[in-house]
Amino acid sequence: MEESGILHRDNRLHMFVLHLIYTPRINRALESFVSAWNQHTMRTERNWSPLQMWTNGMLDIRNHQLSAVANVADSETGFDDLEWFGFDPYAPTPDDEGLTTVVVDDVNIDVEDHILNQLINNTNPLQNSVFTECWY
């Protein structure tokens, strides 16, 4: 889009509209990927999907006393615990060689709230469009 001259990344309004349109599309694509991944069969696991394996593990009577299983069934457990999922303070730190980090800055523009609400309410970023499909 930059090469064709329709997007200028230094223009805050252009970046705001880019985020407004593409963030929901990217999130939808990620949700689709996660769903497909969780449903795909794994040859080495009796052709069960990851979702089937997780569900069977939760239902297995031998696991009923494990705290991980109890936490899933406990409605008091919140998503705050997910922040530390996979964190091991005693594990060696991974080498960052070859890894890159992408930082996406927040895009803020000075627009009155009622105008911003009208823009959001009159825009459907998930609507099919020949124009936007060519930029994926």
Protein backbone atom coordinates (compact mmCIF):
# COMPACT_ATOMS: atom_id res chain seq x y z
CA MET A 1 0.00 0.00 0.00
CA GLU A 2 2.94 2.29 0.65
CA GLU A 3 4.48 1.41 -2.70
CA SER A 4 1.25 2.22 -4.51
CA GLY A 5 1.06 5.59 -2.73
CA ILE A 6 -2.23 5.03 -0.89
CA LEU A 7 -0.69 4.72 2.59
CA HIS A 8 1.76 7.05 4.27
CA ARG A 9 2.97 5.56 7.55
CA ASP A 10 3.90 8.97 8.93
CA ASN A 11 0.29 10.13 8.58
CA ARG A 12 -1.55 9.45 11.87
CA LEU A 13 -4.93 9.39 10.15
CA HIS A 14 -3.73 6.78 7.64
CA MET A 15 -2.41 4.63 10.48
CA PHE A 16 -5.64 5.02 12.45
CA VAL A 17 -7.73 3.85 9.49
CA LEU A 18 -5.29 1.00 8.81
CA HIS A 19 -5.71 -0.20 12.40
CA LEU A 20 -9.48 0.31 12.30
CA ILE A 21 -9.85 -1.86 9.20
CA TYR A 22 -7.14 -4.49 9.58
CA THR A 23 -7.04 -5.25 13.31
CA PRO A 24 -10.42 -7.07 13.25
CA ARG A 25 -9.40 -8.88 10.04
CA ILE A 26 -6.11 -10.03 11.56
CA ASN A 27 -7.89 -11.15 14.74
CA ARG A 28 -10.44 -13.10 12.68
CA ALA A 29 -7.64 -14.82 10.76
CA LEU A 30 -5.90 -15.73 14.02
CA GLU A 31 -9.13 -17.14 15.47
CA SER A 32 -9.61 -19.20 12.32
CA PHE A 33 -6.06 -20.54 12.56
CA VAL A 34 -6.45 -21.46 16.25
CA SER A 35 -9.74 -23.22 15.54
CA ALA A 36 -8.26 -25.18 12.64
CA TRP A 37 -5.19 -26.11 14.67
CA ASN A 38 -7.27 -27.31 17.63
CA GLN A 39 -9.42 -29.46 15.31
CA HIS A 40 -6.69 -31.07 13.19
CA THR A 41 -5.96 -34.71 13.80
CA MET A 42 -2.58 -35.93 14.97
CA ARG A 43 -1.43 -39.21 13.48
CA THR A 44 0.77 -40.05 16.48
CA GLU A 45 -2.12 -39.55 18.93
CA ARG A 46 -4.66 -42.02 17.48
CA ASN A 47 -5.90 -39.31 15.09
CA TRP A 48 -7.27 -37.29 17.97
CA SER A 49 -7.25 -33.52 17.71
CA PRO A 50 -5.57 -31.35 20.37
CA LEU A 51 -9.05 -30.38 21.57
CA GLN A 52 -10.05 -34.04 21.92
CA MET A 53 -6.86 -34.82 23.83
CA TRP A 54 -7.42 -31.89 26.20
CA THR A 55 -11.07 -32.79 26.76
CA ASN A 56 -10.25 -36.45 27.40
CA GLY A 57 -7.55 -35.39 29.86
CA MET A 58 -10.02 -33.19 31.72
CA LEU A 59 -12.63 -35.97 31.84
CA ASP A 60 -10.24 -38.75 32.84
CA ILE A 61 -11.15 -39.78 36.39
CA ARG A 62 -7.47 -40.34 37.22
CA ASN A 63 -6.86 -36.58 36.83
CA HIS A 64 -9.68 -35.32 39.04
CA GLN A 65 -7.37 -34.40 41.95
CA LEU A 66 -4.80 -32.52 39.87
CA SER A 67 -4.83 -28.80 40.57
CA ALA A 68 -4.73 -27.96 36.86
CA VAL A 69 -7.95 -29.88 36.27
CA ALA A 70 -9.56 -28.41 39.38
CA ASN A 71 -8.63 -24.88 38.28
CA VAL A 72 -10.39 -25.34 34.93
CA ALA A 73 -13.59 -26.39 36.68
CA ASP A 74 -13.28 -23.65 39.32
CA SER A 75 -15.24 -20.58 38.27
CA GLU A 76 -13.21 -18.41 40.65
CA THR A 77 -10.06 -18.88 38.59
CA GLY A 78 -9.64 -15.95 36.25
CA PHE A 79 -7.72 -15.29 33.08
CA ASP A 80 -5.11 -13.39 35.10
CA ASP A 81 -3.41 -16.72 35.73
CA LEU A 82 -2.78 -17.07 31.98
CA GLU A 83 -0.25 -14.23 32.20
CA TRP A 84 2.15 -16.63 33.93
CA PHE A 85 1.28 -19.71 31.86
CA GLY A 86 4.48 -21.37 30.68
CA PHE A 87 6.71 -19.20 32.85
CA ASP A 88 9.48 -21.05 34.64
CA PRO A 89 11.79 -18.81 36.68
CA TYR A 90 14.38 -21.62 36.90
CA ALA A 91 14.47 -22.42 33.20
CA PRO A 92 17.39 -21.23 31.10
CA THR A 93 16.67 -18.14 29.07
CA PRO A 94 16.34 -18.79 25.34
CA ASP A 95 18.82 -17.35 22.91
CA ASP A 96 17.35 -14.42 21.01
CA GLU A 97 19.59 -14.89 18.00
CA GLY A 98 17.56 -14.53 14.84
CA LEU A 99 14.38 -13.55 16.66
CA THR A 100 12.80 -10.20 15.98
CA THR A 101 10.23 -8.22 17.87
CA VAL A 102 7.53 -6.16 16.25
CA VAL A 103 6.32 -3.15 18.18
CA VAL A 104 2.98 -1.74 17.12
CA ASP A 105 2.44 1.75 18.45
CA ASP A 106 -0.99 2.86 19.58
CA VAL A 107 -2.64 5.15 17.10
CA ASN A 108 -4.39 8.09 18.68
CA ILE A 109 -6.09 10.90 16.82
CA ASP A 110 -7.91 13.90 18.18
CA VAL A 111 -11.50 13.32 17.14
CA GLU A 112 -14.64 14.11 19.05
CA ASP A 113 -16.22 11.05 20.62
CA HIS A 114 -19.49 11.26 18.69
CA ILE A 115 -17.62 11.43 15.36
CA LEU A 116 -15.44 8.48 16.33
CA ASN A 117 -18.50 6.47 17.42
CA GLN A 118 -20.26 7.27 14.15
CA LEU A 119 -17.21 6.14 12.17
CA ILE A 120 -16.96 2.89 14.09
CA ASN A 121 -20.72 2.21 13.85
CA ASN A 122 -20.81 2.88 10.10
CA THR A 123 -17.73 0.82 9.27
CA ASN A 124 -17.75 -2.95 8.97
CA PRO A 125 -14.10 -3.99 8.69
CA LEU A 126 -15.09 -7.64 8.32
CA GLN A 127 -17.23 -7.01 5.26
CA ASN A 128 -15.88 -8.66 2.12
CA SER A 129 -14.17 -6.23 -0.18
CA VAL A 130 -12.26 -6.80 -3.38
CA PHE A 131 -9.98 -3.88 -2.53
CA THR A 132 -8.94 -5.03 0.93
CA GLU A 133 -8.59 -8.70 -0.04
CA CYS A 134 -5.71 -7.89 -2.38
CA TRP A 135 -3.58 -6.60 0.53
CA TYR A 136 -3.50 -9.86 2.50
